[in-house]
Structures are given as structure tokens and as C-alpha cells.
Amino acid sequence: MTAFTINFSPITSISTDQFEQLCAANPDIKFERTSTGELVVMSPPGGETGKNNVEIAADFVIWNRRSKLGVVFDSSTCFRLPNGGERSPDVAWVEKSRWEALTPEQQRKFPPICPDFVLELRSPSDNLILLQAKMQEYLRSGAKLGWLLNPEDNQAEIYRPGQAIEVLQSPGTLSGETILPEFTLNLDWLWC
């Protein structure tokens, strides 16, 4: 998924309301906004990445339906992070009491909350450095666990607050640890 970043700061700034209006007026375009206000325009994923995204998301949905511990979101959900960024992870999960603490209006719009868990799946055109920076942004905003899956290099990067990034080569599974209790993501199929 190719992304283009546009810096409007020399001429204007876009408020959170204006960003929301921009997204609503252009529903076929995926936008994100960095914490410094830069607009990120993202192309839709290709077939292989889209297929992989839904396969991964399905495992989270099935686990969450059974555990009833939180709410799972797909890549079309934009979260308003505490640092001012507005980001859309490929898969996100928010613990139930944190989600329920939001007002109905906050839940309907871009939720002003950082997910407890985030997953980014690198597509062939994604810039790895930018994805890694995005993962760090999630951690700084309050994420408790993050996975960056990189099929291009057969690697999974695990992000935890206050810890070094753990890089695994072609892991068969990843554990949700204490954040996603009893969740295991099978990844053997992804590295083929």
C-alpha cells in the first residue's frame, strides 16, 4: 500500500473537525494524520495484502467473540491518539471497560483512544521505516502490545512499552501474552 505524506504546515493547519470532514467527504480514500499534522494519503491494499488482512482479523474476531474481553477493529477504523495523530492500524483491539468509558458519540466518530493492541501488516509497497515509526507512535500513545508483520522479510516485530523490539524470523505463532489472554495467532501460512 503506497502512502504519500503531505505537509500543509507552511500554508495552513487542519483541525480535528476538518480532518473528520475531509475523510467523510472522500470515503473512497484512506487518510491518516501524523502527530505533527501531516496528512497521509494511502492507496488501497492489493489482493494479497487484503486477503492476508482479513485472514488475520478473522482470528481476532473469533477469539474476541469467545472471550468477550474487548472490541476488535479493522483497518478502516481511525483512532484519535493522545499525541494528536489519527491512525488506522490493520487490526486493533480495545479492552472492554476502556471502550465502554467512551461516550456513544466518541464511539461513532474517530474514537479518542489508543488501542491496547495494534497490528500492522506490511504490504510489498510499504516503507518499513515508516511502519516502524508508526508502531513507536502507538507505544508512545499507550498501546500495550503491537505486532508488525513483515512477509517481505519473513519477520514479526513485537513492540512492548519500555522494552527493546523483539524480532522473530518466520514465527509459527505469536502469543497475545497478558494483553490478549489465551490468544494465539498462527502464522505458518503467512511465510509461505
N, C-alpha and C. Protein backbone atom coordinates (compact mmCIF):
# COMPACT_ATOMS: atom_id res chain seq x y z
N MET A 1 0.86 -1.17 0.00
CA MET A 1 0.00 0.00 0.00
C MET A 1 0.90 1.23 0.00
N THR A 2 0.88 1.97 -1.06
CA THR A 2 1.68 3.17 -1.17
C THR A 2 1.05 4.28 -0.35
N ALA A 3 1.88 5.03 0.37
CA ALA A 3 1.38 6.15 1.17
C ALA A 3 2.15 7.41 0.77
N PHE A 4 1.43 8.49 0.70
CA PHE A 4 2.03 9.79 0.40
C PHE A 4 1.74 10.72 1.56
N THR A 5 2.75 11.43 2.02
CA THR A 5 2.61 12.35 3.14
C THR A 5 2.66 13.77 2.61
N ILE A 6 1.68 14.58 3.03
CA ILE A 6 1.60 15.97 2.59
C ILE A 6 1.70 16.86 3.82
N ASN A 7 2.65 17.79 3.79
CA ASN A 7 2.85 18.72 4.89
C ASN A 7 2.20 20.05 4.53
N PHE A 8 1.08 20.37 5.20
CA PHE A 8 0.37 21.62 4.95
C PHE A 8 0.85 22.75 5.86
N SER A 9 1.77 22.47 6.78
CA SER A 9 2.13 23.47 7.80
C SER A 9 2.64 24.80 7.24
N PRO A 10 3.30 24.83 6.08
CA PRO A 10 3.72 26.14 5.57
C PRO A 10 2.56 27.06 5.19
N ILE A 11 1.37 26.46 4.92
CA ILE A 11 0.27 27.30 4.47
C ILE A 11 -0.96 27.27 5.38
N THR A 12 -1.17 26.16 6.08
CA THR A 12 -2.36 26.05 6.93
C THR A 12 -2.21 24.87 7.88
N SER A 13 -3.14 24.74 8.79
CA SER A 13 -3.22 23.54 9.62
C SER A 13 -4.65 23.01 9.52
N ILE A 14 -4.78 21.72 9.70
CA ILE A 14 -6.09 21.08 9.59
C ILE A 14 -6.52 20.69 11.00
N SER A 15 -7.67 21.19 11.43
CA SER A 15 -8.18 20.86 12.76
C SER A 15 -8.70 19.44 12.77
N THR A 16 -8.97 18.90 13.94
CA THR A 16 -9.52 17.55 14.04
C THR A 16 -10.89 17.49 13.37
N ASP A 17 -11.71 18.50 13.54
CA ASP A 17 -13.02 18.52 12.87
C ASP A 17 -12.86 18.57 11.35
N GLN A 18 -11.92 19.38 10.86
CA GLN A 18 -11.70 19.45 9.42
C GLN A 18 -11.18 18.12 8.87
N PHE A 19 -10.32 17.46 9.64
CA PHE A 19 -9.82 16.16 9.20
C PHE A 19 -10.97 15.16 9.09
N GLU A 20 -11.85 15.16 10.07
CA GLU A 20 -13.01 14.27 10.04
C GLU A 20 -13.90 14.57 8.83
N GLN A 21 -14.10 15.87 8.54
CA GLN A 21 -14.91 16.27 7.39
C GLN A 21 -14.25 15.84 6.08
N LEU A 22 -12.94 15.98 6.00
CA LEU A 22 -12.19 15.57 4.82
C LEU A 22 -12.38 14.08 4.56
N CYS A 23 -12.28 13.28 5.63
CA CYS A 23 -12.46 11.83 5.50
C CYS A 23 -13.89 11.50 5.07
N ALA A 24 -14.88 12.17 5.66
CA ALA A 24 -16.28 11.92 5.32
C ALA A 24 -16.59 12.32 3.88
N ALA A 25 -15.97 13.38 3.41
CA ALA A 25 -16.23 13.87 2.04
C ALA A 25 -15.53 13.02 0.98
N ASN A 26 -14.56 12.20 1.41
CA ASN A 26 -13.79 11.37 0.48
C ASN A 26 -13.75 9.93 0.98
N PRO A 27 -14.89 9.25 1.07
CA PRO A 27 -14.92 7.93 1.70
C PRO A 27 -14.13 6.85 0.97
N ASP A 28 -13.78 7.08 -0.28
CA ASP A 28 -13.03 6.08 -1.02
C ASP A 28 -11.52 6.23 -0.86
N ILE A 29 -11.11 7.24 -0.10
CA ILE A 29 -9.68 7.49 0.12
C ILE A 29 -9.38 7.26 1.60
N LYS A 30 -8.30 6.54 1.87
CA LYS A 30 -7.90 6.30 3.26
C LYS A 30 -6.88 7.36 3.66
N PHE A 31 -7.24 8.13 4.70
CA PHE A 31 -6.36 9.16 5.22
C PHE A 31 -5.92 8.79 6.64
N GLU A 32 -4.73 9.22 6.99
CA GLU A 32 -4.27 9.25 8.37
C GLU A 32 -3.64 10.61 8.57
N ARG A 33 -3.38 10.95 9.82
CA ARG A 33 -2.70 12.21 10.11
C ARG A 33 -1.66 11.95 11.17
N THR A 34 -0.45 12.46 10.95
CA THR A 34 0.62 12.28 11.92
C THR A 34 0.41 13.20 13.11
N SER A 35 1.17 12.97 14.17
CA SER A 35 1.06 13.81 15.36
C SER A 35 1.51 15.24 15.09
N THR A 36 2.27 15.45 14.02
CA THR A 36 2.71 16.80 13.66
C THR A 36 1.77 17.46 12.65
N GLY A 37 0.66 16.77 12.32
CA GLY A 37 -0.35 17.36 11.45
C GLY A 37 -0.20 17.06 9.98
N GLU A 38 0.79 16.26 9.58
CA GLU A 38 0.95 15.92 8.18
C GLU A 38 -0.17 14.96 7.76
N LEU A 39 -0.69 15.16 6.58
CA LEU A 39 -1.74 14.31 6.04
C LEU A 39 -1.11 13.14 5.30
N VAL A 40 -1.54 11.93 5.61
CA VAL A 40 -1.04 10.73 4.95
C VAL A 40 -2.17 10.18 4.09
N VAL A 41 -1.93 10.09 2.79
CA VAL A 41 -2.90 9.56 1.83
C VAL A 41 -2.42 8.17 1.45
N MET A 42 -3.28 7.18 1.67
CA MET A 42 -2.88 5.80 1.46
C MET A 42 -3.69 5.16 0.34
N SER A 43 -3.01 4.42 -0.51
CA SER A 43 -3.72 3.69 -1.56
C SER A 43 -4.32 2.42 -0.95
N PRO A 44 -5.36 1.87 -1.57
CA PRO A 44 -5.93 0.63 -1.05
C PRO A 44 -4.93 -0.51 -1.21
N PRO A 45 -5.04 -1.53 -0.36
CA PRO A 45 -4.11 -2.65 -0.48
C PRO A 45 -4.42 -3.49 -1.71
N GLY A 46 -3.42 -4.21 -2.16
CA GLY A 46 -3.62 -5.14 -3.26
C GLY A 46 -4.32 -6.40 -2.77
N GLY A 47 -4.59 -7.30 -3.69
CA GLY A 47 -5.34 -8.51 -3.37
C GLY A 47 -4.68 -9.37 -2.31
N GLU A 48 -3.39 -9.61 -2.45
CA GLU A 48 -2.70 -10.48 -1.48
C GLU A 48 -2.74 -9.89 -0.08
N THR A 49 -2.45 -8.60 0.05
CA THR A 49 -2.47 -7.96 1.37
C THR A 49 -3.88 -7.94 1.93
N GLY A 50 -4.88 -7.64 1.10
CA GLY A 50 -6.26 -7.65 1.56
C GLY A 50 -6.69 -9.02 2.06
N LYS A 51 -6.30 -10.06 1.34
CA LYS A 51 -6.61 -11.44 1.74
C LYS A 51 -5.94 -11.75 3.07
N ASN A 52 -4.68 -11.38 3.22
CA ASN A 52 -3.95 -11.65 4.47
C ASN A 52 -4.56 -10.86 5.63
N ASN A 53 -4.93 -9.61 5.38
CA ASN A 53 -5.55 -8.79 6.44
C ASN A 53 -6.80 -9.45 6.99
N VAL A 54 -7.68 -9.92 6.10
CA VAL A 54 -8.94 -10.50 6.57
C VAL A 54 -8.70 -11.84 7.27
N GLU A 55 -7.74 -12.61 6.81
CA GLU A 55 -7.40 -13.88 7.49
C GLU A 55 -6.96 -13.61 8.92
N ILE A 56 -6.11 -12.63 9.09
CA ILE A 56 -5.61 -12.28 10.43
C ILE A 56 -6.73 -11.72 11.29
N ALA A 57 -7.50 -10.79 10.74
CA ALA A 57 -8.58 -10.16 11.51
C ALA A 57 -9.61 -11.20 11.96
N ALA A 58 -9.87 -12.20 11.13
CA ALA A 58 -10.85 -13.23 11.48
C ALA A 58 -10.46 -13.95 12.77
N ASP A 59 -9.18 -14.25 12.93
CA ASP A 59 -8.73 -14.92 14.15
C ASP A 59 -8.98 -14.06 15.38
N PHE A 60 -8.78 -12.75 15.25
CA PHE A 60 -9.03 -11.85 16.39
C PHE A 60 -10.52 -11.78 16.70
N VAL A 61 -11.35 -11.71 15.68
CA VAL A 61 -12.80 -11.64 15.88
C VAL A 61 -13.30 -12.90 16.57
N ILE A 62 -12.87 -14.06 16.11
CA ILE A 62 -13.32 -15.33 16.70
C ILE A 62 -12.88 -15.40 18.16
N TRP A 63 -11.63 -15.07 18.45
CA TRP A 63 -11.15 -15.08 19.83
C TRP A 63 -11.96 -14.11 20.69
N ASN A 64 -12.20 -12.91 20.18
CA ASN A 64 -12.88 -11.89 20.97
C ASN A 64 -14.35 -12.25 21.21
N ARG A 65 -14.99 -12.90 20.26
CA ARG A 65 -16.38 -13.34 20.47
C ARG A 65 -16.46 -14.33 21.62
N ARG A 66 -15.44 -15.15 21.72
CA ARG A 66 -15.43 -16.14 22.80
C ARG A 66 -15.06 -15.50 24.14
N SER A 67 -14.05 -14.65 24.12
CA SER A 67 -13.54 -14.08 25.39
C SER A 67 -14.40 -12.94 25.91
N LYS A 68 -15.01 -12.19 24.99
CA LYS A 68 -15.83 -11.02 25.35
C LYS A 68 -15.06 -10.02 26.21
N LEU A 69 -13.76 -9.88 25.92
CA LEU A 69 -12.90 -9.01 26.73
C LEU A 69 -12.74 -7.60 26.17
N GLY A 70 -13.15 -7.40 24.94
CA GLY A 70 -12.94 -6.09 24.34
C GLY A 70 -13.64 -5.96 23.01
N VAL A 71 -13.11 -5.06 22.18
CA VAL A 71 -13.68 -4.77 20.87
C VAL A 71 -12.55 -4.81 19.84
N VAL A 72 -12.81 -5.52 18.72
CA VAL A 72 -11.83 -5.64 17.63
C VAL A 72 -12.22 -4.67 16.52
N PHE A 73 -11.22 -4.06 15.90
CA PHE A 73 -11.44 -3.09 14.82
C PHE A 73 -10.60 -3.47 13.62
N ASP A 74 -11.12 -3.18 12.43
CA ASP A 74 -10.36 -3.43 11.21
C ASP A 74 -9.63 -2.18 10.76
N SER A 75 -9.01 -2.28 9.61
CA SER A 75 -8.14 -1.20 9.13
C SER A 75 -8.90 0.05 8.69
N SER A 76 -10.21 -0.01 8.63
CA SER A 76 -10.97 1.18 8.24
C SER A 76 -11.26 2.09 9.42
N THR A 77 -10.89 1.68 10.64
CA THR A 77 -11.15 2.48 11.83
C THR A 77 -9.98 3.42 12.10
N CYS A 78 -10.29 4.69 12.24
CA CYS A 78 -9.27 5.70 12.54
C CYS A 78 -9.39 6.10 14.01
N PHE A 79 -8.31 5.97 14.74
CA PHE A 79 -8.27 6.33 16.15
C PHE A 79 -7.58 7.68 16.33
N ARG A 80 -8.16 8.52 17.16
CA ARG A 80 -7.56 9.81 17.50
C ARG A 80 -6.66 9.57 18.71
N LEU A 81 -5.35 9.53 18.49
CA LEU A 81 -4.39 9.20 19.53
C LEU A 81 -4.14 10.39 20.45
N PRO A 82 -3.73 10.13 21.69
CA PRO A 82 -3.46 11.21 22.64
C PRO A 82 -2.39 12.21 22.16
N ASN A 83 -1.48 11.76 21.28
CA ASN A 83 -0.42 12.65 20.80
C ASN A 83 -0.88 13.55 19.65
N GLY A 84 -2.14 13.42 19.26
CA GLY A 84 -2.67 14.25 18.17
C GLY A 84 -2.73 13.56 16.83
N GLY A 85 -2.07 12.40 16.70
CA GLY A 85 -2.13 11.66 15.46
C GLY A 85 -3.48 10.97 15.30
N GLU A 86 -3.84 10.70 14.07
CA GLU A 86 -5.05 9.96 13.77
C GLU A 86 -4.64 8.80 12.86
N ARG A 87 -4.69 7.60 13.44
CA ARG A 87 -4.11 6.43 12.77
C ARG A 87 -5.09 5.28 12.66
N SER A 88 -4.86 4.44 11.65
CA SER A 88 -5.72 3.29 11.36
C SER A 88 -4.87 2.02 11.28
N PRO A 89 -4.69 1.31 12.39
CA PRO A 89 -3.94 0.05 12.32
C PRO A 89 -4.71 -0.98 11.51
N ASP A 90 -4.02 -1.98 10.99
CA ASP A 90 -4.69 -3.03 10.22
C ASP A 90 -5.63 -3.84 11.10
N VAL A 91 -5.24 -4.11 12.33
CA VAL A 91 -6.11 -4.72 13.33
C VAL A 91 -5.85 -3.98 14.64
N ALA A 92 -6.91 -3.70 15.37
CA ALA A 92 -6.76 -3.05 16.68
C ALA A 92 -7.73 -3.70 17.66
N TRP A 93 -7.39 -3.63 18.93
CA TRP A 93 -8.24 -4.18 19.98
C TRP A 93 -8.20 -3.22 21.16
N VAL A 94 -9.38 -2.93 21.72
CA VAL A 94 -9.51 -2.07 22.89
C VAL A 94 -10.22 -2.87 23.98
N GLU A 95 -9.65 -2.86 25.17
CA GLU A 95 -10.23 -3.55 26.32
C GLU A 95 -11.63 -2.99 26.59
N LYS A 96 -12.55 -3.87 26.95
CA LYS A 96 -13.98 -3.56 27.04
C LYS A 96 -14.30 -2.36 27.93
N SER A 97 -13.75 -2.27 29.13
CA SER A 97 -14.10 -1.16 30.03
C SER A 97 -13.59 0.17 29.49
N ARG A 98 -12.45 0.16 28.80
CA ARG A 98 -11.94 1.39 28.19
C ARG A 98 -12.85 1.85 27.07
N TRP A 99 -13.32 0.90 26.25
CA TRP A 99 -14.24 1.23 25.16
C TRP A 99 -15.55 1.76 25.71
N GLU A 100 -16.08 1.10 26.72
CA GLU A 100 -17.36 1.49 27.28
C GLU A 100 -17.29 2.82 28.03
N ALA A 101 -16.09 3.27 28.39
CA ALA A 101 -15.93 4.57 29.05
C ALA A 101 -16.11 5.73 28.08
N LEU A 102 -16.03 5.44 26.78
CA LEU A 102 -16.24 6.48 25.77
C LEU A 102 -17.74 6.75 25.63
N THR A 103 -18.07 7.98 25.29
CA THR A 103 -19.47 8.31 25.05
C THR A 103 -19.92 7.68 23.72
N PRO A 104 -21.22 7.52 23.52
CA PRO A 104 -21.69 7.00 22.22
C PRO A 104 -21.19 7.83 21.04
N GLU A 105 -21.14 9.14 21.20
CA GLU A 105 -20.64 9.99 20.11
C GLU A 105 -19.16 9.72 19.84
N GLN A 106 -18.36 9.56 20.89
CA GLN A 106 -16.94 9.26 20.71
C GLN A 106 -16.75 7.91 20.02
N GLN A 107 -17.61 6.95 20.34
CA GLN A 107 -17.52 5.64 19.70
C GLN A 107 -17.91 5.71 18.22
N ARG A 108 -18.86 6.59 17.87
CA ARG A 108 -19.32 6.72 16.48
C ARG A 108 -18.29 7.40 15.59
N LYS A 109 -17.62 8.41 16.12
CA LYS A 109 -16.65 9.17 15.33
C LYS A 109 -15.29 8.47 15.37
N PHE A 110 -14.21 9.23 15.25
CA PHE A 110 -12.87 8.66 15.40
C PHE A 110 -12.61 8.55 16.89
N PRO A 111 -12.63 7.34 17.45
CA PRO A 111 -12.51 7.20 18.90
C PRO A 111 -11.23 7.86 19.44
N PRO A 112 -11.39 8.71 20.46
CA PRO A 112 -10.21 9.38 21.05
C PRO A 112 -9.54 8.46 22.08
N ILE A 113 -8.90 7.43 21.56
CA ILE A 113 -8.30 6.42 22.42
C ILE A 113 -7.22 5.68 21.64
N CYS A 114 -6.18 5.30 22.33
CA CYS A 114 -5.18 4.44 21.69
C CYS A 114 -5.55 3.00 21.98
N PRO A 115 -5.61 2.15 20.98
CA PRO A 115 -5.91 0.74 21.23
C PRO A 115 -4.89 0.12 22.18
N ASP A 116 -5.33 -0.88 22.91
CA ASP A 116 -4.42 -1.63 23.79
C ASP A 116 -3.48 -2.50 22.96
N PHE A 117 -3.99 -2.98 21.83
CA PHE A 117 -3.20 -3.82 20.93
C PHE A 117 -3.35 -3.30 19.51
N VAL A 118 -2.25 -3.30 18.77
CA VAL A 118 -2.28 -2.91 17.35
C VAL A 118 -1.46 -3.89 16.53
N LEU A 119 -1.89 -4.08 15.30
CA LEU A 119 -1.16 -4.92 14.36
C LEU A 119 -1.08 -4.18 13.04
N GLU A 120 0.09 -4.17 12.48
CA GLU A 120 0.31 -3.63 11.13
C GLU A 120 0.88 -4.75 10.28
N LEU A 121 0.30 -4.95 9.09
CA LEU A 121 0.77 -5.94 8.13
C LEU A 121 1.42 -5.20 6.98
N ARG A 122 2.71 -5.42 6.79
CA ARG A 122 3.43 -4.73 5.72
C ARG A 122 3.04 -5.31 4.36
N SER A 123 2.62 -4.42 3.48
CA SER A 123 2.37 -4.83 2.10
C SER A 123 3.64 -4.56 1.29
N PRO A 124 3.76 -5.14 0.08
CA PRO A 124 5.00 -5.00 -0.69
C PRO A 124 5.45 -3.56 -0.94
N SER A 125 4.52 -2.62 -1.02
CA SER A 125 4.91 -1.24 -1.31
C SER A 125 5.11 -0.39 -0.05
N ASP A 126 4.85 -0.95 1.13
CA ASP A 126 5.00 -0.17 2.37
C ASP A 126 6.46 0.09 2.69
N ASN A 127 6.73 1.28 3.19
CA ASN A 127 8.06 1.65 3.65
C ASN A 127 8.22 1.12 5.08
N LEU A 128 9.16 0.21 5.28
CA LEU A 128 9.35 -0.42 6.59
C LEU A 128 9.69 0.59 7.67
N ILE A 129 10.53 1.56 7.36
CA ILE A 129 10.93 2.58 8.34
C ILE A 129 9.72 3.37 8.83
N LEU A 130 8.82 3.73 7.91
CA LEU A 130 7.62 4.47 8.29
C LEU A 130 6.68 3.62 9.14
N LEU A 131 6.57 2.33 8.81
CA LEU A 131 5.73 1.43 9.62
C LEU A 131 6.31 1.27 11.03
N GLN A 132 7.62 1.15 11.12
CA GLN A 132 8.26 1.03 12.43
C GLN A 132 8.06 2.29 13.26
N ALA A 133 8.12 3.45 12.62
CA ALA A 133 7.87 4.71 13.32
C ALA A 133 6.42 4.78 13.80
N LYS A 134 5.51 4.27 12.98
CA LYS A 134 4.10 4.24 13.36
C LYS A 134 3.89 3.33 14.57
N MET A 135 4.58 2.20 14.62
CA MET A 135 4.49 1.31 15.77
C MET A 135 4.99 2.01 17.04
N GLN A 136 6.06 2.76 16.91
CA GLN A 136 6.58 3.51 18.07
C GLN A 136 5.58 4.58 18.51
N GLU A 137 4.90 5.18 17.55
CA GLU A 137 3.87 6.18 17.87
C GLU A 137 2.75 5.54 18.69
N TYR A 138 2.34 4.34 18.30
CA TYR A 138 1.32 3.63 19.08
C TYR A 138 1.79 3.41 20.52
N LEU A 139 3.03 2.97 20.68
CA LEU A 139 3.56 2.73 22.03
C LEU A 139 3.58 4.01 22.85
N ARG A 140 4.05 5.09 22.26
CA ARG A 140 4.10 6.38 22.97
C ARG A 140 2.69 6.87 23.33
N SER A 141 1.70 6.42 22.57
CA SER A 141 0.32 6.84 22.80
C SER A 141 -0.42 5.94 23.78
N GLY A 142 0.21 4.84 24.21
CA GLY A 142 -0.40 3.99 25.23
C GLY A 142 -0.68 2.55 24.85
N ALA A 143 -0.34 2.13 23.64
CA ALA A 143 -0.53 0.72 23.28
C ALA A 143 0.30 -0.16 24.21
N LYS A 144 -0.25 -1.31 24.57
CA LYS A 144 0.43 -2.22 25.48
C LYS A 144 1.15 -3.35 24.75
N LEU A 145 0.76 -3.59 23.50
CA LEU A 145 1.38 -4.64 22.70
C LEU A 145 1.12 -4.32 21.23
N GLY A 146 2.13 -4.52 20.41
CA GLY A 146 1.99 -4.30 18.98
C GLY A 146 2.78 -5.32 18.19
N TRP A 147 2.23 -5.72 17.07
CA TRP A 147 2.91 -6.64 16.16
C TRP A 147 3.00 -6.01 14.78
N LEU A 148 4.20 -6.00 14.24
CA LEU A 148 4.42 -5.59 12.86
C LEU A 148 4.81 -6.84 12.09
N LEU A 149 3.92 -7.30 11.22
CA LEU A 149 4.17 -8.50 10.43
C LEU A 149 4.73 -8.09 9.08
N ASN A 150 5.86 -8.66 8.74
CA ASN A 150 6.60 -8.26 7.56
C ASN A 150 6.85 -9.49 6.66
N PRO A 151 5.86 -9.86 5.84
CA PRO A 151 6.04 -11.02 4.97
C PRO A 151 7.18 -10.86 3.96
N GLU A 152 7.52 -9.61 3.63
CA GLU A 152 8.61 -9.37 2.67
C GLU A 152 9.94 -9.92 3.18
N ASP A 153 10.15 -9.85 4.50
CA ASP A 153 11.40 -10.33 5.10
C ASP A 153 11.17 -11.53 6.02
N ASN A 154 9.95 -12.09 5.99
CA ASN A 154 9.60 -13.22 6.86
C ASN A 154 9.89 -12.93 8.33
N GLN A 155 9.50 -11.75 8.78
CA GLN A 155 9.76 -11.35 10.16
C GLN A 155 8.52 -10.82 10.84
N ALA A 156 8.49 -11.00 12.15
CA ALA A 156 7.49 -10.38 13.01
C ALA A 156 8.24 -9.56 14.04
N GLU A 157 7.84 -8.31 14.20
CA GLU A 157 8.44 -7.45 15.22
C GLU A 157 7.40 -7.27 16.32
N ILE A 158 7.82 -7.49 17.57
CA ILE A 158 6.93 -7.36 18.70
C ILE A 158 7.32 -6.12 19.49
N TYR A 159 6.34 -5.26 19.71
CA TYR A 159 6.54 -3.98 20.39
C TYR A 159 5.84 -4.03 21.74
N ARG A 160 6.61 -3.72 22.79
CA ARG A 160 6.09 -3.65 24.15
C ARG A 160 6.63 -2.38 24.79
N PRO A 161 5.82 -1.71 25.62
CA PRO A 161 6.31 -0.47 26.26
C PRO A 161 7.55 -0.72 27.12
N GLY A 162 8.52 0.16 26.99
CA GLY A 162 9.71 0.10 27.82
C GLY A 162 10.65 -1.05 27.53
N GLN A 163 10.45 -1.74 26.42
CA GLN A 163 11.30 -2.88 26.08
C GLN A 163 11.84 -2.73 24.67
N ALA A 164 12.95 -3.41 24.42
CA ALA A 164 13.51 -3.43 23.07
C ALA A 164 12.56 -4.20 22.16
N ILE A 165 12.57 -3.83 20.90
CA ILE A 165 11.75 -4.53 19.90
C ILE A 165 12.30 -5.95 19.76
N GLU A 166 11.40 -6.91 19.79
CA GLU A 166 11.78 -8.31 19.60
C GLU A 166 11.50 -8.66 18.15
N VAL A 167 12.50 -9.14 17.44
CA VAL A 167 12.35 -9.51 16.03
C VAL A 167 12.45 -11.03 15.93
N LEU A 168 11.42 -11.64 15.37
CA LEU A 168 11.38 -13.08 15.21
C LEU A 168 11.39 -13.43 13.73
N GLN A 169 12.15 -14.45 13.36
CA GLN A 169 12.23 -14.89 11.98
C GLN A 169 11.21 -15.99 11.74
N SER A 170 10.25 -15.77 10.88
CA SER A 170 9.22 -16.74 10.48
C SER A 170 8.59 -17.47 11.66
N PRO A 171 8.09 -16.74 12.67
CA PRO A 171 7.49 -17.46 13.81
C PRO A 171 6.23 -18.20 13.39
N GLY A 172 6.05 -19.41 13.94
CA GLY A 172 4.85 -20.19 13.65
C GLY A 172 3.62 -19.60 14.30
N THR A 173 3.81 -19.04 15.49
CA THR A 173 2.70 -18.43 16.23
C THR A 173 3.20 -17.21 16.99
N LEU A 174 2.25 -16.35 17.35
CA LEU A 174 2.51 -15.24 18.27
C LEU A 174 1.48 -15.33 19.38
N SER A 175 1.93 -15.04 20.60
CA SER A 175 1.05 -15.10 21.76
C SER A 175 0.56 -13.71 22.13
N GLY A 176 -0.71 -13.64 22.50
CA GLY A 176 -1.29 -12.37 22.95
C GLY A 176 -0.85 -11.97 24.35
N GLU A 177 -0.04 -12.81 24.97
CA GLU A 177 0.52 -12.53 26.29
C GLU A 177 -0.60 -12.19 27.28
N THR A 178 -0.36 -11.26 28.17
CA THR A 178 -1.40 -10.91 29.16
C THR A 178 -2.39 -9.89 28.60
N ILE A 179 -2.06 -9.26 27.48
CA ILE A 179 -2.93 -8.25 26.89
C ILE A 179 -4.13 -8.92 26.20
N LEU A 180 -3.88 -9.98 25.48
CA LEU A 180 -4.92 -10.75 24.79
C LEU A 180 -4.87 -12.18 25.36
N PRO A 181 -5.42 -12.39 26.54
CA PRO A 181 -5.27 -13.69 27.22
C PRO A 181 -5.76 -14.86 26.38
N GLU A 182 -4.92 -15.87 26.31
CA GLU A 182 -5.21 -17.13 25.61
C GLU A 182 -5.37 -16.97 24.10
N PHE A 183 -4.92 -15.84 23.56
CA PHE A 183 -4.97 -15.67 22.10
C PHE A 183 -3.63 -16.10 21.51
N THR A 184 -3.70 -16.87 20.45
CA THR A 184 -2.52 -17.28 19.69
C THR A 184 -2.83 -17.09 18.21
N LEU A 185 -1.95 -16.38 17.52
CA LEU A 185 -2.12 -16.19 16.08
C LEU A 185 -1.19 -17.14 15.36
N ASN A 186 -1.75 -18.03 14.56
CA ASN A 186 -0.97 -18.95 13.76
C ASN A 186 -0.49 -18.21 12.52
N LEU A 187 0.81 -18.26 12.27
CA LEU A 187 1.38 -17.52 11.13
C LEU A 187 2.09 -18.38 10.11
N ASP A 188 2.07 -19.70 10.29
CA ASP A 188 2.78 -20.57 9.35
C ASP A 188 2.41 -20.27 7.90
N TRP A 189 1.14 -20.01 7.65
CA TRP A 189 0.64 -19.77 6.30
C TRP A 189 1.18 -18.47 5.70
N LEU A 190 1.51 -17.48 6.56
CA LEU A 190 1.93 -16.16 6.06
C LEU A 190 3.31 -16.18 5.43
N TRP A 191 4.17 -17.03 5.91
CA TRP A 191 5.57 -17.02 5.47
C TRP A 191 5.81 -17.87 4.23
N CYS A 192 4.80 -18.54 3.73
CA CYS A 192 4.97 -19.46 2.56
C CYS A 192 5.22 -18.70 1.28
